[in-house]
Protein backbone atom coordinates (compact mmCIF):
# COMPACT_ATOMS: atom_id res chain seq x y z
CA MET A 1 -5.10 -2.41 0.87
CA ARG A 2 -2.83 -0.19 2.03
CA SER A 3 -5.44 -2.64 2.34
CA ARG A 4 -3.93 -0.68 1.46
CA SER A 5 -3.56 -2.56 -0.35
CA SER A 6 -2.99 -5.10 1.60
CA ILE A 7 0.25 -5.32 -0.31
CA PRO A 8 -0.73 -1.74 -1.08
CA THR A 9 1.05 -1.41 -1.85
CA PHE A 10 4.36 -1.31 -3.22
CA LEU A 11 3.04 1.31 -5.56
CA ASP A 12 3.88 5.11 -6.48
CA GLN A 13 3.53 7.68 -9.05
CA SER A 14 7.48 8.48 -9.65
CA ALA A 15 9.16 5.80 -11.21
CA GLN A 16 12.77 5.17 -12.32
CA THR A 17 15.05 2.31 -13.04
CA MET A 18 17.78 2.08 -10.39
CA ALA A 19 20.14 -1.13 -11.15
CA MET A 20 20.25 -4.75 -12.34
CA ILE A 21 20.87 -6.48 -9.85
CA ARG A 22 24.16 -8.14 -8.88
CA GLY A 23 24.28 -11.39 -7.62
CA GLY A 24 20.22 -12.11 -8.28
CA ARG A 25 18.69 -14.10 -10.99
CA ALA A 26 19.18 -13.20 -14.51
CA HIS A 27 16.55 -10.68 -16.25
CA GLU A 28 15.67 -9.08 -13.28
CA LYS A 29 15.98 -5.69 -12.07
CA THR A 30 15.34 -3.08 -9.52
CA ILE A 31 12.80 -0.29 -10.16
CA LYS A 32 12.38 2.38 -7.64
CA ILE A 33 9.02 3.27 -7.06
CA GLY A 34 8.42 6.76 -5.20
CA THR A 35 11.67 5.61 -2.71
CA ARG A 36 10.22 1.69 -2.88
CA PRO A 37 12.41 -0.74 -4.35
CA VAL A 38 11.00 -3.77 -6.23
CA ILE A 39 12.56 -6.27 -8.03
CA ILE A 40 11.09 -7.75 -10.81
CA PRO A 41 11.59 -9.38 -14.19
CA GLU A 42 12.72 -7.50 -17.42
CA PRO A 43 9.72 -6.27 -18.87
CA ARG A 44 8.90 -8.55 -21.56
CA ARG A 45 5.96 -7.62 -24.11
CA PRO A 46 4.53 -10.47 -25.98
CA ALA A 47 5.02 -10.94 -29.55
CA ASN A 48 0.90 -10.85 -29.78
CA ALA A 49 0.56 -7.68 -27.65
CA HIS A 50 -1.93 -6.25 -29.93
CA ASP A 51 -4.41 -9.63 -29.55
CA ARG A 52 -7.77 -9.08 -28.28
CA SER A 53 -6.77 -11.42 -25.59
CA TYR A 54 -3.90 -9.33 -24.48
CA ALA A 55 -5.93 -6.38 -24.44
CA ILE A 56 -8.57 -7.99 -22.04
CA LYS A 57 -5.82 -9.31 -19.76
CA LEU A 58 -4.31 -6.06 -19.62
CA ALA A 59 -7.49 -3.90 -18.92
CA LEU A 60 -8.44 -6.84 -16.27
CA ALA A 61 -5.30 -6.27 -14.32
CA PHE A 62 -5.63 -2.57 -14.31
CA VAL A 63 -9.38 -2.86 -13.40
CA THR A 64 -7.87 -5.45 -10.33
CA THR A 65 -5.54 -3.00 -9.15
CA TYR A 66 -8.02 0.04 -9.18
CA VAL A 67 -10.98 -1.64 -7.52
CA VAL A 68 -9.95 -4.45 -5.86
CA TRP A 69 -7.52 -2.57 -3.75
CA GLY A 70 -9.87 0.32 -3.64
CA SER A 71 -12.23 -1.68 -2.20
CA THR A 72 -10.37 -3.19 0.72
CA TYR A 73 -11.02 -0.84 2.89
CA LEU A 74 -14.78 -1.58 2.71
CA ALA A 75 -13.44 -5.11 3.26
CA ILE A 76 -11.39 -4.12 6.40
CA ARG A 77 -14.87 -2.46 7.52
CA TYR A 78 -16.75 -5.76 7.18
CA ALA A 79 -14.39 -7.94 8.79
CA VAL A 80 -14.09 -6.08 11.85
CA GLU A 81 -17.17 -5.65 12.65
CA THR A 82 -17.65 -8.81 14.46
CA ILE A 83 -13.76 -10.29 14.51
CA PRO A 84 -11.52 -8.33 16.67
CA PRO A 85 -9.62 -5.80 14.57
CA ILE A 86 -5.70 -7.52 15.51
CA VAL A 87 -7.03 -11.15 14.93
CA ALA A 88 -8.31 -9.96 11.86
CA VAL A 89 -5.46 -8.79 10.39
CA ALA A 90 -3.18 -11.23 12.10
CA ILE A 91 -5.35 -14.10 10.11
CA ARG A 92 -5.10 -11.94 7.11
CA HIS A 93 -1.49 -11.65 6.80
CA THR A 94 -0.60 -15.51 8.37
CA ILE A 95 -2.65 -17.02 5.33
CA ALA A 96 -1.79 -14.47 2.34
CA GLY A 97 1.87 -14.58 3.66
CA SER A 98 2.10 -18.42 3.77
CA ILE A 99 0.94 -18.45 0.22
CA LEU A 100 3.13 -16.14 -1.02
CA LEU A 101 6.14 -17.99 1.03
CA VAL A 102 5.28 -21.29 -0.61
CA TRP A 103 4.91 -19.59 -3.89
CA ALA A 104 8.70 -17.73 -3.58
CA LEU A 105 9.63 -21.29 -2.14
CA ALA A 106 8.35 -23.28 -5.23
CA ARG A 107 10.06 -20.48 -7.54
CA GLY A 108 13.51 -21.59 -5.86
CA TYR A 109 13.77 -18.59 -2.82
CA ARG A 110 15.56 -19.77 0.04
CA PRO A 111 15.47 -17.40 2.82
CA LYS A 112 18.52 -16.24 4.81
CA ARG A 113 19.20 -15.40 8.24
CA GLU A 114 19.26 -11.43 7.14
CA HIS A 115 16.25 -11.93 5.25
CA TRP A 116 14.19 -12.95 8.32
CA LEU A 117 15.66 -10.02 10.49
CA ALA A 118 14.88 -7.42 7.68
CA GLY A 119 11.58 -9.21 7.53
CA PHE A 120 10.84 -8.41 11.31
CA ILE A 121 11.80 -4.85 10.81
CA VAL A 122 10.02 -3.89 7.88
CA GLY A 123 6.79 -6.31 9.17
CA LEU A 124 6.80 -4.41 12.11
CA LEU A 125 6.18 -0.83 10.55
CA TYR A 126 4.28 -1.91 7.43
CA PHE A 127 1.99 -5.14 9.03
CA THR A 128 1.75 -4.83 12.64
CA ILE A 129 1.88 -0.85 13.43
CA GLY A 130 0.18 0.12 9.84
CA HIS A 131 -2.07 -2.45 8.68
CA GLY A 132 -2.65 -2.80 12.70
CA LEU A 133 -3.69 0.36 12.99
CA LEU A 134 -5.76 0.62 10.11
CA HIS A 135 -7.69 -2.59 11.05
CA TRP A 136 -8.24 -0.83 14.30
CA ALA A 137 -9.48 2.44 13.23
CA GLU A 138 -12.02 1.04 11.16
CA LYS A 139 -13.63 0.03 14.15
CA SER A 140 -14.51 3.47 14.68
CA ILE A 141 -14.23 5.53 11.19
CA SER A 142 -15.67 5.04 8.03
CA SER A 143 -13.60 3.36 5.20
CA GLY A 144 -13.84 6.67 2.77
CA PRO A 145 -12.08 8.76 5.64
CA ALA A 146 -10.00 5.61 6.09
CA ALA A 147 -8.52 5.60 2.68
CA LEU A 148 -8.01 9.38 1.84
CA LEU A 149 -5.90 9.21 5.29
CA ILE A 150 -3.74 6.26 4.09
CA ALA A 151 -3.36 8.17 0.58
CA THR A 152 -1.36 10.86 2.56
CA GLU A 153 1.40 8.23 2.54
CA PRO A 154 3.65 10.09 -0.13
CA MET A 155 3.59 13.47 2.25
CA PHE A 156 5.49 11.30 4.83
CA ILE A 157 7.48 9.50 2.60
CA MET A 158 8.78 13.03 1.17
CA LEU A 159 9.27 14.77 4.62
CA ALA A 160 11.22 11.51 5.74
CA GLY A 161 13.46 11.50 2.69
CA TRP A 162 14.17 15.25 3.00
CA ALA A 163 15.05 14.49 7.04
CA MET A 164 17.40 11.59 5.96
CA GLY A 165 19.14 13.29 3.20
CA GLN A 166 17.79 11.31 0.38
CA GLN A 167 16.26 13.58 -1.74
CA LYS A 168 16.40 17.53 -2.38
CA PRO A 169 13.10 19.19 -1.91
CA HIS A 170 11.91 20.95 -5.18
CA TRP A 171 9.63 23.83 -4.61
CA LEU A 172 6.34 22.03 -6.03
CA SER A 173 6.87 19.16 -3.37
CA GLY A 174 6.64 21.92 -0.75
CA VAL A 175 3.73 23.19 -2.11
CA GLY A 176 1.99 19.81 -2.32
CA PHE A 177 2.78 18.67 1.27
CA VAL A 178 1.26 21.89 2.50
CA THR A 179 -1.89 21.47 0.18
CA GLY A 180 -1.99 17.74 1.92
CA PHE A 181 -1.55 19.09 5.40
CA ALA A 182 -4.43 21.44 4.61
CA GLY A 183 -6.71 18.24 2.96
CA VAL A 184 -6.18 16.27 6.25
CA ALA A 185 -7.01 19.55 8.71
CA ILE A 186 -10.42 19.61 6.73
CA LEU A 187 -10.95 15.74 6.95
CA ILE A 188 -9.88 15.39 10.52
CA GLY A 189 -10.06 19.04 12.04
CA PRO A 190 -13.42 19.13 13.29
CA ASP A 191 -13.60 15.61 14.82
CA LEU A 192 -10.43 16.12 16.92
CA THR A 193 -12.78 18.58 19.00
CA THR A 194 -14.96 16.14 20.14
CA ARG A 195 -12.48 13.64 21.53
CA GLY A 196 -14.30 10.61 20.74
CA SER A 197 -14.02 7.16 19.14
CA ALA A 198 -13.68 8.70 15.90
CA ALA A 199 -10.99 10.92 16.77
CA ILE A 200 -9.07 8.63 17.95
CA GLY A 201 -9.59 6.19 15.16
CA LEU A 202 -8.79 9.11 12.74
CA ILE A 203 -5.20 9.87 14.36
CA ALA A 204 -4.73 6.20 14.49
CA ALA A 205 -5.12 6.03 10.67
CA VAL A 206 -2.77 8.64 10.22
CA VAL A 207 -0.41 6.96 12.60
CA SER A 208 -0.51 4.05 10.41
CA SER A 209 -0.03 5.72 7.19
CA LEU A 210 3.41 7.13 8.95
CA ALA A 211 4.40 3.83 9.93
CA TRP A 212 4.08 2.41 6.35
CA SER A 213 6.08 5.71 5.26
CA VAL A 214 8.82 4.96 7.90
CA GLY A 215 8.54 1.17 6.51
CA VAL A 216 8.78 2.34 2.63
CA ILE A 217 12.62 4.23 3.63
CA ILE A 218 13.80 1.32 6.24
CA SER A 219 13.00 -0.82 3.45
CA ALA A 220 15.47 0.45 1.01
CA LYS A 221 18.07 0.06 3.75
CA VAL A 222 17.72 -3.68 5.05
CA LYS A 223 18.68 -6.67 2.87
CA LEU A 224 15.15 -8.13 2.17
CA PRO A 225 15.06 -10.93 -0.80
CA HIS A 226 16.20 -10.18 -4.06
CA ASP A 227 12.74 -12.40 -5.30
CA ALA A 228 9.59 -10.12 -5.92
CA VAL A 229 7.32 -12.43 -4.32
CA ALA A 230 9.55 -13.34 -1.11
CA ARG A 231 10.02 -10.13 -0.75
CA THR A 232 6.55 -9.41 0.17
CA ALA A 233 6.19 -12.64 1.70
CA MET A 234 8.94 -12.07 4.55
CA PRO A 235 7.44 -9.09 6.06
CA LEU A 236 4.25 -10.44 6.12
CA ILE A 237 4.75 -13.53 7.83
CA CYS A 238 7.02 -11.71 10.24
CA GLY A 239 4.43 -9.06 10.85
CA ALA A 240 1.86 -11.50 11.54
CA VAL A 241 3.62 -13.27 14.21
CA MET A 242 3.86 -10.01 15.75
CA LEU A 243 -0.03 -9.27 15.50
CA TRP A 244 -0.66 -12.46 17.04
CA VAL A 245 1.81 -11.31 19.83
CA ALA A 246 -0.34 -8.24 20.11
CA ALA A 247 -3.61 -9.94 19.93
CA ILE A 248 -2.52 -12.32 22.83
CA VAL A 249 -0.80 -9.47 25.06
CA SER A 250 -4.31 -7.30 24.46
CA GLY A 251 -6.59 -10.01 25.42
CA GLU A 252 -8.36 -9.97 21.80
CA TRP A 253 -7.60 -13.42 20.91
CA ARG A 254 -9.02 -14.63 24.50
CA GLY A 255 -12.08 -13.01 23.98
CA PHE A 256 -12.71 -13.94 20.41
CA HIS A 257 -14.72 -16.87 19.40
CA ALA A 258 -14.96 -17.89 15.86
CA SER A 259 -18.95 -18.43 16.12
CA GLU A 260 -19.88 -15.23 17.24
CA ALA A 261 -18.43 -13.55 13.98
CA SER A 262 -20.71 -12.94 11.15
CA PRO A 263 -20.86 -14.20 7.36
CA ARG A 264 -20.14 -10.97 6.63
CA SER A 265 -17.09 -10.80 8.62
CA TRP A 266 -15.97 -13.58 7.30
CA LEU A 267 -16.53 -13.00 3.75
CA GLY A 268 -14.67 -9.58 3.95
CA LEU A 269 -11.65 -11.44 5.82
CA ALA A 270 -11.85 -13.91 2.80
CA PHE A 271 -11.75 -11.05 0.32
CA LEU A 272 -9.10 -8.94 1.50
CA ILE A 273 -6.80 -12.61 1.65
CA VAL A 274 -7.61 -13.86 -1.62
CA PHE A 275 -8.51 -10.57 -3.51
CA GLY A 276 -6.69 -7.90 -1.75
CA SER A 277 -3.34 -9.85 -1.18
CA VAL A 278 -2.80 -12.47 -3.47
CA ILE A 279 -4.85 -11.76 -6.71
CA ALA A 280 -3.87 -8.21 -6.68
CA PHE A 281 -0.67 -8.35 -6.01
CA THR A 282 -0.10 -11.06 -8.71
CA ALA A 283 -1.95 -8.48 -11.31
CA TYR A 284 0.62 -5.85 -9.92
CA THR A 285 3.50 -7.80 -10.52
CA TRP A 286 2.44 -8.79 -13.91
CA LEU A 287 1.34 -5.26 -15.34
CA LEU A 288 4.71 -4.10 -14.20
CA GLN A 289 6.37 -6.43 -16.65
CA GLN A 290 3.91 -5.01 -19.39
CA CYS A 291 4.08 -1.12 -18.67
CA SER A 292 5.89 1.55 -17.53
CA PRO A 293 5.92 2.10 -13.55
CA ALA A 294 4.55 5.36 -13.84
CA LEU A 295 1.46 3.75 -15.64
CA VAL A 296 0.79 0.97 -12.87
CA ALA A 297 1.12 3.37 -10.53
CA THR A 298 -2.12 5.49 -11.52
CA HIS A 299 -3.76 3.25 -9.03
CA THR A 300 -2.65 5.54 -6.31
CA TYR A 301 -5.19 8.02 -7.07
CA ALA A 302 -8.18 5.75 -8.19
CA ASN A 303 -8.21 3.72 -4.66
CA PRO A 304 -9.30 6.26 -2.34
CA ILE A 305 -12.09 7.39 -5.29
CA VAL A 306 -13.01 3.86 -5.40
CA ALA A 307 -12.92 3.43 -1.60
CA VAL A 308 -14.93 6.61 -0.81
CA LEU A 309 -17.43 5.43 -3.50
CA LEU A 310 -18.10 1.87 -2.62
CA GLY A 311 -18.70 3.12 1.14
CA TRP A 312 -21.54 5.56 -0.03
CA LEU A 313 -23.05 3.15 -2.37
CA LEU A 314 -22.79 -0.29 -0.29
CA ALA A 315 -22.50 0.73 3.37
CA GLY A 316 -24.47 3.96 3.26
CA GLU A 317 -21.53 6.11 4.56
CA VAL A 318 -21.95 9.74 4.59
CA LEU A 319 -20.74 11.59 0.99
CA SER A 320 -20.61 15.06 2.77
CA ALA A 321 -19.28 18.26 1.10
CA ARG A 322 -16.29 17.93 3.93
CA LEU A 323 -15.45 14.70 2.45
CA GLY A 324 -15.36 15.80 -1.35
CA LEU A 325 -13.24 18.83 -0.36
CA ALA A 326 -10.85 16.87 1.45
CA ALA A 327 -10.51 13.96 -0.96
CA VAL A 328 -9.84 16.74 -3.82
CA VAL A 329 -7.24 18.61 -2.02
CA ILE A 330 -5.34 15.38 -0.65
CA LEU A 331 -5.72 14.31 -4.24
CA GLY A 332 -3.90 17.07 -5.88
CA ALA A 333 -1.70 17.49 -3.18
CA ILE A 334 -0.44 13.91 -4.56
CA VAL A 335 -0.05 15.11 -8.12
CA LEU A 336 1.98 18.04 -6.81
CA ILE A 337 4.28 16.01 -4.40
CA ARG A 338 4.94 13.07 -7.77
CA ARG A 339 5.25 16.21 -10.21
CA GLY A 340 7.91 17.83 -7.89
CA GLU A 341 9.89 14.27 -7.04
CA ARG A 342 9.56 13.65 -10.61
CA MET A 343 11.43 17.06 -11.73
CA ALA A 344 14.17 17.01 -9.05
CA THR A 345 14.77 13.45 -10.37
CA GLN A 346 15.33 14.95 -13.82
CA ARG A 347 17.53 17.62 -12.26
CA ALA A 348 19.78 15.06 -10.70
CA LEU A 349 20.26 12.58 -13.37
CA LYS A 350 22.35 13.14 -16.83
CA PRO A 351 19.83 14.44 -19.85
CA ASP A 352 19.83 11.34 -21.63
CA CYS A 353 18.89 9.10 -18.31
CA PHE A 354 15.66 7.60 -18.23
CA GLN A 355 14.17 9.68 -20.70
CA SER A 356 11.79 6.99 -21.81
CA GLU A 357 10.53 6.11 -18.66
CA PHE A 358 9.66 9.77 -17.90
CA ALA A 359 8.17 10.47 -21.65
CA ALA A 360 5.67 7.66 -20.70
CA ASP A 361 4.18 10.01 -17.83
């Protein structure tokens, strides 16, 4: 969590190895997860991979990416109850980005001018527009529908990839796109006729997903840092700066008084910073060193389900038949899109390339 993860983010189901980093650190590589380049160290399975302690660590890391990132949508809802949404997300990304940037600096990273420029471009799409709109939308819509609409991100990534000529469409992906569009229509269609705050919130969540998807495409073209932690920290910090500007211009910061925010909102925000951003990201990075990216990417299916169930159990959100049907249709569409992308990738590669990667799926 988008909270989405809040760093949500950096996962997708189709996965493949792109290339070794040239001029970067030794023993690092770039992997492409759904069109998103992520730099990680070479996988290194420990010698005691079958030890019980290792199995427990592996299970805890998966639970973290499944449950924590799924729970961030409910945490956002709690945070924006009494904290203005733009202020909340600005605080969140300022603190999380600062922690990750200090971590990157301690690892030897040194920011360059091109990194700041790329950070502002990606940060605008990911965090200022993407997360900013998501937090704002949850002032008027429940966390479950918000999570499902954010889950449509692969649809927009696929569409942008086709439009920019980055990939050739596969018929299975096309079926998935149409299916996903139908799922979105099921979810938001009846509410759009009301023209109320809920309708505006639903539209904002869709635009949030679209902005994030465009950021995914753009991030592959700009010069973000090779260092995995800095690659997240720079857009976070830059996005936070623009969010503070938005909070000031919109008047949210002027009308905000910390003493008026409820303990539940502060706890929700603290959860987003510590667990949603720092801990979940750390678990995700570690998992990428232990397992195939395709296996790690299964969290993208679990997160919306966790969000819907937690909203129902803890916040009394309505678990309607329409919501359930939309969830099945949207998640089914994601499966079709991933399958189509994987088949298109296999078709484009030589027969022997990446065979072991796809065998893990």
